[in-house]
Structure formats: structure tokens, C-alpha cells
Protein backbone atom coordinates (compact mmCIF):
# COMPACT_ATOMS: atom_id res chain seq x y z
CA MET A 1 90.65 74.84 25.97
CA PRO A 2 91.87 76.10 22.59
CA ASP A 3 88.55 77.55 21.46
CA LEU A 4 88.56 80.34 24.08
CA ALA A 5 92.23 81.08 23.37
CA GLU A 6 91.52 81.22 19.63
CA GLU A 7 88.56 83.53 20.15
CA LEU A 8 90.48 85.99 22.32
CA ALA A 9 93.39 85.97 19.90
CA ALA A 10 91.03 86.69 17.00
CA GLN A 11 89.11 89.44 18.82
CA THR A 12 92.28 91.29 19.81
CA ARG A 13 93.54 91.49 16.24
CA LEU A 14 92.82 94.35 13.88
CA THR A 15 92.43 92.07 10.87
CA VAL A 16 90.41 88.93 10.24
CA GLU A 17 92.48 85.77 9.89
CA ASP A 18 92.14 82.02 10.08
CA PRO A 19 91.79 81.30 13.83
CA SER A 20 93.81 78.11 13.41
CA GLN A 21 96.85 80.30 12.72
CA ALA A 22 96.83 81.43 16.35
CA ALA A 23 96.31 77.86 17.52
CA ARG A 24 99.38 76.69 15.59
CA ALA A 25 101.51 79.35 17.30
CA LEU A 26 100.13 78.69 20.77
CA ARG A 27 101.02 76.10 23.38
CA ILE A 28 98.95 75.96 26.59
CA SER A 29 100.24 73.41 29.07
CA GLY A 30 99.29 72.11 32.47
CA ILE A 31 96.29 70.53 34.12
CA GLY A 32 93.87 71.56 36.80
CA THR A 33 91.49 74.45 37.20
CA LEU A 34 90.36 77.08 39.68
CA PRO A 35 87.10 76.08 41.40
CA SER A 36 84.31 78.01 39.72
CA ALA A 37 81.05 77.70 37.85
CA PHE A 38 82.90 79.34 34.95
CA ARG A 39 86.02 78.65 32.93
CA VAL A 40 88.26 80.99 34.89
CA THR A 41 91.52 79.10 34.39
CA GLU A 42 90.86 78.93 30.63
CA LEU A 43 90.20 82.67 30.62
CA ALA A 44 93.44 83.31 32.49
CA ALA A 45 95.52 81.26 30.07
CA ALA A 46 93.70 82.60 27.00
CA SER A 47 94.02 86.28 27.89
CA ILE A 48 97.74 85.95 28.66
CA ALA A 49 98.13 84.04 25.40
CA ALA A 50 96.42 86.87 23.50
CA ALA A 51 98.97 89.33 24.88
CA GLY A 52 101.82 86.96 24.06
CA LEU A 53 100.65 86.48 20.47
CA ALA A 54 100.36 90.25 20.05
CA LEU A 55 103.90 90.69 21.39
CA ALA A 56 105.16 88.11 18.91
CA GLU A 57 103.56 90.06 16.07
CA VAL A 58 104.95 93.46 16.96
CA ALA A 59 108.43 92.13 17.78
CA GLY A 60 108.60 89.74 14.82
CA LEU A 61 109.25 86.74 17.05
CA ASP A 62 109.33 83.27 15.51
CA GLY A 63 108.34 80.17 17.40
CA PRO A 64 105.45 79.26 19.67
CA VAL A 65 103.88 81.28 22.46
CA ALA A 66 103.67 79.08 25.54
CA VAL A 67 101.39 79.64 28.55
CA ASP A 68 101.37 77.63 31.75
CA ARG A 69 97.71 77.54 32.79
CA ARG A 70 98.55 76.74 36.41
CA LEU A 71 100.90 79.71 36.76
CA ALA A 72 98.42 81.86 34.84
CA SER A 73 95.78 80.98 37.45
CA PHE A 74 98.14 81.90 40.29
CA TRP A 75 99.03 85.24 38.67
CA PHE A 76 95.31 86.03 38.47
CA ALA A 77 95.34 86.01 42.27
CA THR A 78 98.72 87.47 43.23
CA SER A 79 102.29 87.01 42.03
CA LEU A 80 104.03 88.51 45.07
CA ARG A 81 105.38 86.48 47.99
CA PRO A 82 106.65 88.88 50.71
CA GLU A 83 109.45 87.71 52.98
CA ASN A 84 108.97 88.79 56.62
CA TRP A 85 106.39 91.48 55.85
CA ARG A 86 102.72 91.55 54.89
CA VAL A 87 100.67 93.24 52.22
CA PRO A 88 97.75 95.18 53.79
CA ALA A 89 94.30 93.63 53.76
CA PRO A 90 92.68 94.14 50.36
CA TRP A 91 89.25 95.27 51.54
CA ASP A 92 87.94 98.13 53.64
CA PRO A 93 86.35 96.82 56.88
CA VAL A 94 82.79 97.49 55.70
CA ALA A 95 83.19 96.50 52.03
CA GLY A 96 81.35 93.39 50.96
CA ASP A 97 78.03 91.70 50.33
CA TYR A 98 74.94 92.47 52.42
CA ARG A 99 71.45 91.04 52.56
CA THR A 100 68.65 93.47 51.75
CA ARG A 101 64.89 92.98 52.17
CA ASP A 102 64.68 91.42 48.71
CA GLY A 103 68.13 90.05 47.88
CA TRP A 104 71.78 91.04 48.03
CA ILE A 105 73.90 94.10 47.36
CA ARG A 106 77.64 94.66 47.32
CA LEU A 107 79.20 97.84 48.69
CA HIS A 108 82.62 98.88 47.42
CA THR A 109 84.14 101.20 50.03
CA ASN A 110 87.91 100.81 49.57
CA ALA A 111 88.39 104.43 48.54
CA PRO A 112 87.65 106.84 51.40
CA HIS A 113 85.32 108.96 49.28
CA HIS A 114 83.36 105.88 48.23
CA ARG A 115 82.92 104.81 51.84
CA ALA A 116 81.85 108.34 52.74
CA ALA A 117 79.22 108.23 49.98
CA ALA A 118 77.81 104.94 51.27
CA GLU A 119 77.69 106.31 54.81
CA ARG A 120 75.87 109.44 53.66
CA VAL A 121 73.07 107.06 52.70
CA LEU A 122 73.38 104.44 55.45
CA GLY A 123 74.93 106.38 58.32
CA ALA A 124 78.45 106.08 59.72
CA GLN A 125 79.27 102.47 60.60
CA ALA A 126 82.16 101.11 62.61
CA ASP A 127 81.96 97.53 61.38
CA ARG A 128 80.15 95.05 59.16
CA ALA A 129 77.56 94.26 61.81
CA GLY A 130 76.43 97.86 61.94
CA MET A 131 76.43 98.12 58.15
CA ALA A 132 74.39 94.92 57.88
CA ARG A 133 71.71 96.37 60.16
CA ALA A 134 71.59 99.57 58.12
CA VAL A 135 71.32 97.73 54.80
CA ALA A 136 68.69 95.23 55.96
CA GLY A 137 65.85 97.73 55.80
CA TRP A 138 66.40 98.62 52.14
CA ASP A 139 65.31 97.11 48.84
CA LYS A 140 68.41 96.35 46.79
CA ALA A 141 67.55 98.43 43.72
CA ALA A 142 66.63 101.48 45.80
CA LEU A 143 69.83 101.24 47.82
CA GLU A 144 71.99 100.80 44.72
CA ALA A 145 70.45 103.91 43.20
CA ALA A 146 70.81 105.95 46.40
CA ILE A 147 74.50 105.12 46.82
CA LEU A 148 75.26 105.83 43.18
CA ASP A 149 73.43 109.16 43.44
CA ALA A 150 75.61 109.98 46.45
CA GLY A 151 78.77 109.37 44.41
CA GLY A 152 79.46 105.87 45.73
CA CYS A 153 79.86 102.38 44.30
CA ALA A 154 77.39 99.55 44.80
CA ALA A 155 75.76 96.76 42.82
CA GLU A 156 72.66 94.71 43.49
CA MET A 157 72.94 91.01 42.70
CA ARG A 158 71.21 90.04 39.46
CA GLY A 159 70.88 86.69 37.75
CA LEU A 160 72.29 85.87 34.33
CA ALA A 161 68.85 86.07 32.73
CA ASP A 162 68.15 89.40 34.44
CA TRP A 163 71.36 90.83 33.00
CA THR A 164 70.71 89.42 29.54
CA GLY A 165 67.38 91.25 29.46
CA HIS A 166 68.64 94.44 31.08
CA PRO A 167 69.21 97.42 28.74
CA GLN A 168 72.85 97.61 29.81
CA GLY A 169 73.34 93.88 29.39
CA ARG A 170 71.99 94.15 25.84
CA ALA A 171 74.21 97.15 25.11
CA VAL A 172 77.33 95.37 26.35
CA ALA A 173 76.52 92.23 24.35
CA ALA A 174 76.41 94.34 21.17
CA GLU A 175 79.85 95.85 21.79
CA PRO A 176 83.04 94.21 20.49
CA LEU A 177 85.42 92.76 23.04
CA VAL A 178 88.00 95.30 21.87
CA ALA A 179 86.59 98.33 20.07
CA PHE A 180 89.38 99.48 17.75
CA THR A 181 89.20 102.93 16.11
CA PRO A 182 91.91 103.51 13.52
CA ALA A 183 93.70 106.84 13.43
CA ALA A 184 92.77 109.17 10.60
CA GLU A 185 96.34 110.35 10.09
CA ARG A 186 99.60 108.54 9.38
CA THR A 187 102.50 109.27 11.70
CA ALA A 188 105.91 107.63 11.62
CA SER A 189 106.69 105.78 14.84
CA ARG A 190 109.45 107.13 17.08
CA TRP A 191 109.80 103.65 18.56
CA HIS A 192 110.92 100.37 17.03
CA PRO A 193 111.27 96.93 18.60
CA GLN A 194 114.65 96.06 20.08
CA ALA A 195 116.42 92.73 19.78
CA GLY A 196 116.46 90.84 23.06
CA ARG A 197 114.26 93.35 24.89
CA PRO A 198 111.49 93.97 22.39
CA LEU A 199 109.66 96.88 24.07
CA ALA A 200 112.74 98.76 25.29
CA GLY A 201 112.34 102.50 24.77
CA LEU A 202 108.55 102.30 24.36
CA ARG A 203 107.09 105.10 26.46
CA VAL A 204 103.80 104.16 28.15
CA LEU A 205 101.94 106.79 30.17
CA ASP A 206 99.83 104.94 32.71
CA LEU A 207 96.77 106.71 34.12
CA THR A 208 95.11 103.63 35.60
CA ARG A 209 94.21 102.33 39.04
CA VAL A 210 93.10 99.01 40.45
CA LEU A 211 93.36 96.61 38.71
CA ALA A 212 93.01 95.94 34.99
CA GLY A 213 95.05 98.87 33.69
CA PRO A 214 97.99 98.27 36.04
CA VAL A 215 98.03 94.61 34.96
CA ALA A 216 98.25 95.74 31.32
CA THR A 217 101.16 98.09 31.93
CA ARG A 218 102.93 95.55 34.17
CA PHE A 219 102.88 93.15 31.21
CA LEU A 220 104.37 95.78 28.90
CA ALA A 221 107.06 96.60 31.47
CA GLY A 222 107.92 92.91 31.60
CA PHE A 223 109.27 93.14 28.07
CA GLY A 224 111.12 96.43 28.55
CA ALA A 225 108.58 99.23 28.14
CA ASP A 226 109.29 102.47 30.02
CA VAL A 227 106.05 102.71 32.02
CA LEU A 228 105.40 105.97 33.88
CA ARG A 229 102.45 105.78 36.24
CA ILE A 230 100.88 109.08 37.31
CA ASP A 231 98.61 109.35 40.37
CA ALA A 232 96.92 112.22 42.15
CA PRO A 233 98.61 113.47 45.33
CA ASP A 234 96.02 111.91 47.65
CA TRP A 235 95.49 108.54 45.95
CA ASP A 236 96.72 105.22 47.32
CA GLU A 237 95.81 101.57 47.02
CA PRO A 238 98.18 99.93 49.54
CA ALA A 239 97.01 96.36 49.07
CA ILE A 240 97.44 96.49 45.28
CA VAL A 241 100.52 98.65 44.69
CA PRO A 242 103.13 96.00 45.65
CA GLU A 243 101.51 93.66 43.15
CA THR A 244 101.19 96.03 40.21
CA THR A 245 103.99 98.63 40.24
CA LEU A 246 106.59 96.09 39.21
CA GLY A 247 108.88 97.54 36.54
CA LYS A 248 107.34 101.02 36.63
CA THR A 249 108.22 104.61 37.49
CA CYS A 250 105.63 105.94 39.96
CA SER A 251 104.98 109.67 40.19
CA ARG A 252 102.30 112.08 41.36
CA LEU A 253 100.85 115.15 39.68
CA ASP A 254 97.99 117.47 40.60
CA LEU A 255 96.35 118.40 37.32
CA ARG A 256 94.62 121.32 39.03
CA ARG A 257 98.01 123.05 39.37
CA ALA A 258 99.45 124.92 36.39
CA ALA A 259 102.99 123.67 36.92
CA ASP A 260 101.88 120.04 37.12
CA ARG A 261 99.69 120.44 34.04
CA ALA A 262 102.72 121.71 32.12
CA THR A 263 104.70 118.69 33.27
CA PHE A 264 101.91 116.35 32.29
CA ALA A 265 101.58 117.92 28.85
CA ALA A 266 105.30 117.44 28.24
CA LEU A 267 105.12 113.81 29.36
CA LEU A 268 102.13 113.14 27.13
CA ALA A 269 103.90 114.76 24.18
CA GLY A 270 106.76 112.30 24.66
CA ALA A 271 104.58 109.21 25.05
CA ASP A 272 104.06 106.48 22.49
CA VAL A 273 101.16 104.90 24.39
CA LEU A 274 98.51 106.22 26.79
CA VAL A 275 96.60 103.73 28.93
CA HIS A 276 93.80 105.20 31.03
CA GLY A 277 90.89 104.04 33.12
CA TYR A 278 89.04 107.25 33.84
CA ARG A 279 85.30 107.23 33.36
CA PRO A 280 84.17 108.54 29.93
CA GLY A 281 84.48 112.31 29.85
CA ALA A 282 86.73 112.61 32.90
CA LEU A 283 89.86 113.42 30.91
CA ASP A 284 87.83 115.84 28.82
CA GLY A 285 86.89 117.67 32.00
CA LEU A 286 90.56 118.06 32.83
CA GLY A 287 91.24 119.52 29.41
CA TYR A 288 92.76 116.36 27.90
CA GLY A 289 90.02 115.04 25.66
CA PRO A 290 90.77 113.04 22.49
CA GLU A 291 91.49 116.08 20.31
CA ALA A 292 93.80 117.62 22.90
CA ARG A 293 95.64 114.32 23.29
CA ARG A 294 96.11 113.97 19.54
CA ALA A 295 97.37 117.56 19.29
CA LEU A 296 99.94 116.99 22.04
CA ALA A 297 101.02 113.56 20.81
CA PRO A 298 100.31 112.86 17.12
CA GLY A 299 100.20 109.15 16.48
CA LEU A 300 99.56 108.30 20.13
CA ILE A 301 98.30 104.76 20.80
CA ASP A 302 95.33 105.38 23.13
CA VAL A 303 93.83 102.42 25.04
CA SER A 304 91.15 102.86 27.69
CA LEU A 305 88.77 100.82 29.82
CA ASP A 306 85.70 101.29 31.93
CA ALA A 307 83.55 99.03 34.08
CA TYR A 308 80.13 98.67 32.44
CA GLY A 309 80.72 99.36 28.76
CA TRP A 310 80.82 102.38 26.50
CA THR A 311 77.20 102.40 25.32
CA GLY A 312 73.84 101.97 26.99
CA PRO A 313 72.27 103.67 30.01
CA TRP A 314 75.15 102.71 32.34
CA ALA A 315 77.97 103.98 30.15
CA GLY A 316 80.31 105.79 32.51
CA ARG A 317 78.93 104.21 35.69
CA ARG A 318 81.48 103.74 38.45
CA GLY A 319 82.40 100.14 38.95
CA PHE A 320 84.96 97.52 39.86
CA ASP A 321 85.42 93.83 39.14
CA SER A 322 83.50 92.66 42.21
CA LEU A 323 80.58 94.96 41.39
CA VAL A 324 80.40 93.88 37.75
CA GLN A 325 80.32 90.25 38.90
CA MET A 326 77.25 91.08 41.00
CA SER A 327 75.51 93.03 38.25
CA CYS A 328 75.95 90.62 35.37
CA GLY A 329 75.02 87.38 37.09
CA LEU A 330 78.39 85.77 37.86
CA ALA A 331 77.99 85.92 41.65
CA GLU A 332 74.41 84.61 41.50
CA ALA A 333 75.44 81.77 39.21
CA GLY A 334 78.25 80.93 41.59
CA GLN A 335 75.78 80.85 44.46
CA ARG A 336 73.59 78.36 42.62
CA TRP A 337 76.60 76.27 41.53
CA ARG A 338 77.85 75.94 45.09
CA GLN A 339 74.32 75.72 46.52
CA ALA A 340 75.24 78.47 48.97
CA ASP A 341 73.07 80.98 50.77
CA ILE A 342 75.35 83.92 49.97
CA PRO A 343 76.75 85.32 46.70
CA VAL A 344 79.74 83.35 45.37
CA PRO A 345 82.07 85.42 43.18
CA LEU A 346 84.77 84.10 40.90
CA PRO A 347 87.72 82.69 42.85
CA VAL A 348 89.94 85.54 41.62
CA GLN A 349 89.28 88.99 40.17
CA ALA A 350 89.35 87.45 36.73
CA LEU A 351 87.55 90.28 34.93
CA ASP A 352 90.24 92.74 35.99
CA HIS A 353 93.18 90.51 35.17
CA ALA A 354 91.84 89.23 31.87
CA THR A 355 90.87 92.72 30.72
CA GLY A 356 94.37 93.90 31.64
CA TYR A 357 96.05 91.34 29.40
CA LEU A 358 93.57 92.10 26.63
CA MET A 359 94.44 95.80 26.96
CA ALA A 360 98.11 94.93 26.61
CA ALA A 361 97.26 92.92 23.50
CA ALA A 362 95.35 95.90 22.07
CA VAL A 363 98.33 98.21 22.68
CA LEU A 364 100.65 95.81 20.89
CA ARG A 365 98.32 95.23 17.94
CA LEU A 366 97.98 98.99 17.46
CA LEU A 367 101.75 99.39 17.66
CA ALA A 368 102.17 96.74 14.97
CA ARG A 369 99.69 98.58 12.76
CA ARG A 370 101.51 101.86 13.27
CA LEU A 371 104.86 100.28 12.42
CA SER A 372 103.42 98.73 9.26
CA ASP A 373 101.56 101.68 7.75
CA GLY A 374 101.88 104.70 10.06
CA THR A 375 98.36 104.48 11.49
CA GLY A 376 97.79 103.66 15.12
CA GLY A 377 94.54 104.53 16.79
CA GLN A 378 92.45 103.84 19.85
CA ALA A 379 90.99 100.82 21.59
CA ARG A 380 88.33 100.58 24.29
CA LEU A 381 87.54 97.66 26.56
CA SER A 382 85.31 97.06 29.57
CA LEU A 383 85.05 94.66 32.47
CA ALA A 384 81.43 93.91 31.60
CA ARG A 385 82.34 92.88 28.04
CA THR A 386 85.05 90.56 29.36
CA ALA A 387 82.40 89.07 31.65
CA ALA A 388 80.20 88.49 28.63
CA ILE A 389 82.84 86.42 26.86
CA LEU A 390 83.42 84.37 30.01
CA ILE A 391 79.69 83.70 30.34
CA ALA A 392 79.40 82.84 26.64
CA ALA A 393 82.23 80.31 26.99
CA GLY A 394 79.87 78.16 29.03
CA PRO A 395 80.14 76.42 32.37
CA ALA A 396 83.35 74.96 33.66
CA GLU A 397 83.87 71.29 32.93
CA PRO A 398 84.82 68.86 35.69
CA ALA A 399 88.57 68.94 36.21
CA PRO A 400 91.08 68.30 38.97
CA ALA A 401 92.16 71.12 41.23
CA LEU A 402 95.41 72.92 40.51
CA ALA A 403 98.43 71.40 42.16
CA PRO A 404 99.52 73.47 45.21
CA GLU A 405 102.24 76.07 44.80
CA THR A 406 105.81 74.99 45.53
CA ARG A 407 109.13 76.80 45.87
CA GLU A 408 109.93 75.71 42.32
CA ASP A 409 107.12 77.98 41.12
CA LEU A 410 109.02 81.05 42.32
CA ALA A 411 111.60 82.97 40.31
CA PRO A 412 115.06 82.68 41.89
CA GLU A 413 115.64 86.43 42.31
CA ILE A 414 114.93 88.36 45.49
CA GLU A 415 112.94 91.50 44.67
CA ALA A 416 113.92 94.51 46.78
CA THR A 417 110.51 96.19 46.95
CA SER A 418 109.87 99.45 48.79
CA TRP A 419 108.35 97.41 51.64
CA GLY A 420 110.99 94.72 51.95
CA PRO A 421 112.34 91.65 50.15
CA ALA A 422 109.95 89.44 48.21
CA ARG A 423 109.83 86.68 45.65
CA ARG A 424 107.66 86.55 42.53
CA LEU A 425 106.08 83.67 40.78
CA ARG A 426 107.77 82.65 37.60
CA PRO A 427 106.12 84.33 34.61
CA PRO A 428 103.25 82.33 33.10
CA LEU A 429 104.27 83.26 29.55
CA VAL A 430 107.28 82.18 27.47
CA VAL A 431 107.90 83.53 23.98
CA ALA A 432 110.68 82.68 21.57
CA GLY A 433 113.76 84.69 22.48
CA PRO A 434 113.17 87.41 25.10
CA ALA A 435 112.42 86.50 28.69
CA MET A 436 109.63 88.20 30.60
CA ARG A 437 111.42 90.08 33.39
CA TRP A 438 111.25 93.43 35.12
CA ASP A 439 114.03 95.99 35.49
CA ARG A 440 112.69 97.61 38.67
CA ALA A 441 111.22 96.25 41.86
CA ALA A 442 107.72 97.21 42.98
CA ARG A 443 107.61 100.64 44.55
CA ARG A 444 105.28 103.02 46.33
CA LEU A 445 103.14 105.51 44.46
CA GLY A 446 104.95 108.82 44.21
CA ASP A 447 108.44 107.39 44.82
CA ASP A 448 109.80 108.89 41.60
CA ALA A 449 110.08 112.18 39.77
CA PRO A 450 107.61 112.59 36.89
CA ALA A 451 110.03 111.93 34.04
CA TRP A 452 110.68 109.29 31.44
CA GLY A 453 113.19 106.81 32.78
CA ARG A 454 115.14 105.80 29.68
CA GLU A 455 116.35 107.00 26.35
CA ARG A 456 114.50 105.57 23.41
CA GLY A 457 115.86 102.27 22.19
CA VAL A 458 117.87 101.66 25.35
CA GLY A 459 117.13 98.80 27.73
CA ALA A 460 117.53 98.63 31.47
CA ARG A 461 119.66 101.27 33.08
């Protein structure tokens, strides 16, 4: 529906304009919807459209921005189609929803240290059956608090009304969808759009993990940006990496080591854009707070996200898409919509994906501002605030299901990933002129040296 697309386009701009201007430049095609109590397919198409409209602004592209809502829905699940190999299972064996004495709780245990934290509270468990027995004796709020205190990730299931009245729900509702902070200084941009490959030579330092941040930087890479992802030596996310490292350079640094810190400082000094998903204060603790970042890279475009918002009592709380869905009422509303006896989340991790495209839009809007007057700045987003706009959009209207995927939905190229050959879905976005494509296949974390991959203003090598 155009109203959600218009709203996202308006809220990702730095200036107020007639929302019909975005509608005139936008073409959303296709029929069908993902099955949900909420307008998930509309959110998918609208968030991708917001990024496309922002790209058109910064690159000076004429003509409409076109989004295929069916392909957008598919990309919100996965774009990768492996040939004769499999992506690992996305969830740890004991991750998931569990019944407590008074409701439901979700445990997020994909990272080893998060599983260890949960098991410090609940005891070591070999499988879901054992975890279910351990959880059953707890009240949901007490267990959530205990796991968080242990350094883990969990969320009790709340209803929409509970979240609306919760102090964190009220704090998130008062935040903008994209909180822009203009830079105080003016700095000439070292980067300018390129004909045919608009983001070629744009250096994007990616300090994000599953899933929103990597979606944002994958979008930027699709139009030529030089995206350098940095991970810690011991971090991996095997089920997600083949999906999200498309077009990127993937390196590892240990910021506790002096030599790696020197390398990181040099990379940051050469960056045009920093995208990060650390909890508030985490970069400060490493010695790279906002003032240090500005000193190393004057004029840096700085875009960040967190799970539960930047104000309120939960600011900085650990969280992921599936946990935010439990906290803010989406899973409980899905349960009532389906008349189920278990929580029913959104059919895809829509908060992650939508926030990722909105982050990309924020990057591009700030780049346009910097090109126009020398000021860039910062932007902050959160999964919980994206959830709020989905909830405010109202319930999904009756619609036919999406037509099943066919071979015609796949791009013709074979992608030589680090795991084997694969196909990708065709991009869901078409803009006037440049095609959305990626210069590098998906690769493992740490496959590359920590260095910028291209000279400024130069396209694919």
C-alpha cells in the first residue's frame, strides 16, 4: 500500500517534503502477501523503496524507483539458492520459545556465550526437551531477568497493550524512526557518485552482525560501494554469512592487540561511512567513541542500530529480531490471529531486514546532505522502533498468497561462493540506469586482508 511506502520515504529524509513526491517517483508492483497478522509484505516493499529513493537522490537518477513486492518478500527470507550444498541450520538446538509457569519466554542461544549464560541459570541442557523441563518451573519475568543478568539474551512474551504501557514501549514510541544528528562541521566529501555504478569508490566500514546491519551494507555493495566487514577473531554466524557477505571484503581484527588497533584506525581514517551495531557505549569502551571517530575521520557518515531503542530503561539491552517480536507484542498478536497455543512470530525476520534497508537509506540521505553542503552526520535506528511502525500500520488486509517461486525468479549468473555454486534471486529493486549487482560472491568471515579493496572512483576490479 502506498501510505506505508510514503511514510517510510518521508521518515528517512532529512527534510520535510510533500509525501506525494515520493509516491510519484515510486512504482510498487505485484500481488499477494506473506501470511501474517501484520503488513509484512508492505513493510518489505516500502523499506526497499525507501533505500531506492535515497539512492536516486544521492546519485541524481531520473525516472521511477520500482519494487517488486513478491521478490521483496522473498528477499526478506533468503536470497540464496545453493546448488548441491546446504546452508547450516539457522538456530542453535536449544534456541526457541518455551512455556513458563505463567506464559512464554524465548531464549536466544545462537552465540556460544549466550547459550552459556542461559545454562548458567538453567543448567546445561542437551536438547529442547531438557531445556523445556528447566524453564517450566520459572515465572517468565524472573527468568528473563536472571538470564539477562547472566549476560544472556531472552524475552518474555508480552501483548501489544502490555508493550504500549511499558516504560520502554513508551520510550520507543517517542523516538523517531531514524534519529538524524547533523554534523557540526563542514567537510568536503572525498567521494562522488559515479555514472553507471553510482556508489563505486564509496568506502563503508561495516562493524555489524546478524542481521540488519549486514542487510544495509549488502544493499550499498549492490550499487558498487567498497564494503569492508570487520569481525573479531572468534566470531562466526555460519547460517547467515552466505546470505549477507555478498559483495563485501571480510576481514578479522582483534582490537585488544596494538597492531590490529593501528590497522583499524587507518581503515577508519580512510572510510566515508561507518555502520555499526554494537550496544551503546561498546565502541567507547574500545576507545572509539564518537569524538575519537570524528578525530580519525572528519566528515564520517556514522549510522548505528540497536535492538530496543536508544532511550528508556532498556536502552542498550541485548536483543535480536525474534526477541523484540516477543517483547513488543508481535508474537502474541500472531498467536491470537492464528488461534494457536504457541507464540506465532512474523513469517520472516522482518524487523531485521526492514531496519537494514532503512539504515541504507539513512546512509544515502546523509551522503546527499554532505555532497550538497559539506555536512554529514549520524543516524540511529532500532529494531523496536521499526516494530512500532509496523504495528501502527494496522492489521494485514485479506489478500491472496504470494505465487510460488520459479526458476524465472533467479538471476541467470552462477555465484561462486566460498561454499560452492549458488544462484540468487533477482533483485527486488530497479532504478533508472544502474543495475543492482554485486562484484564479489559471498565469502567466509576472515577470508580477506583488512584493506580497502578499490581505489576511489573506480568500479569493479
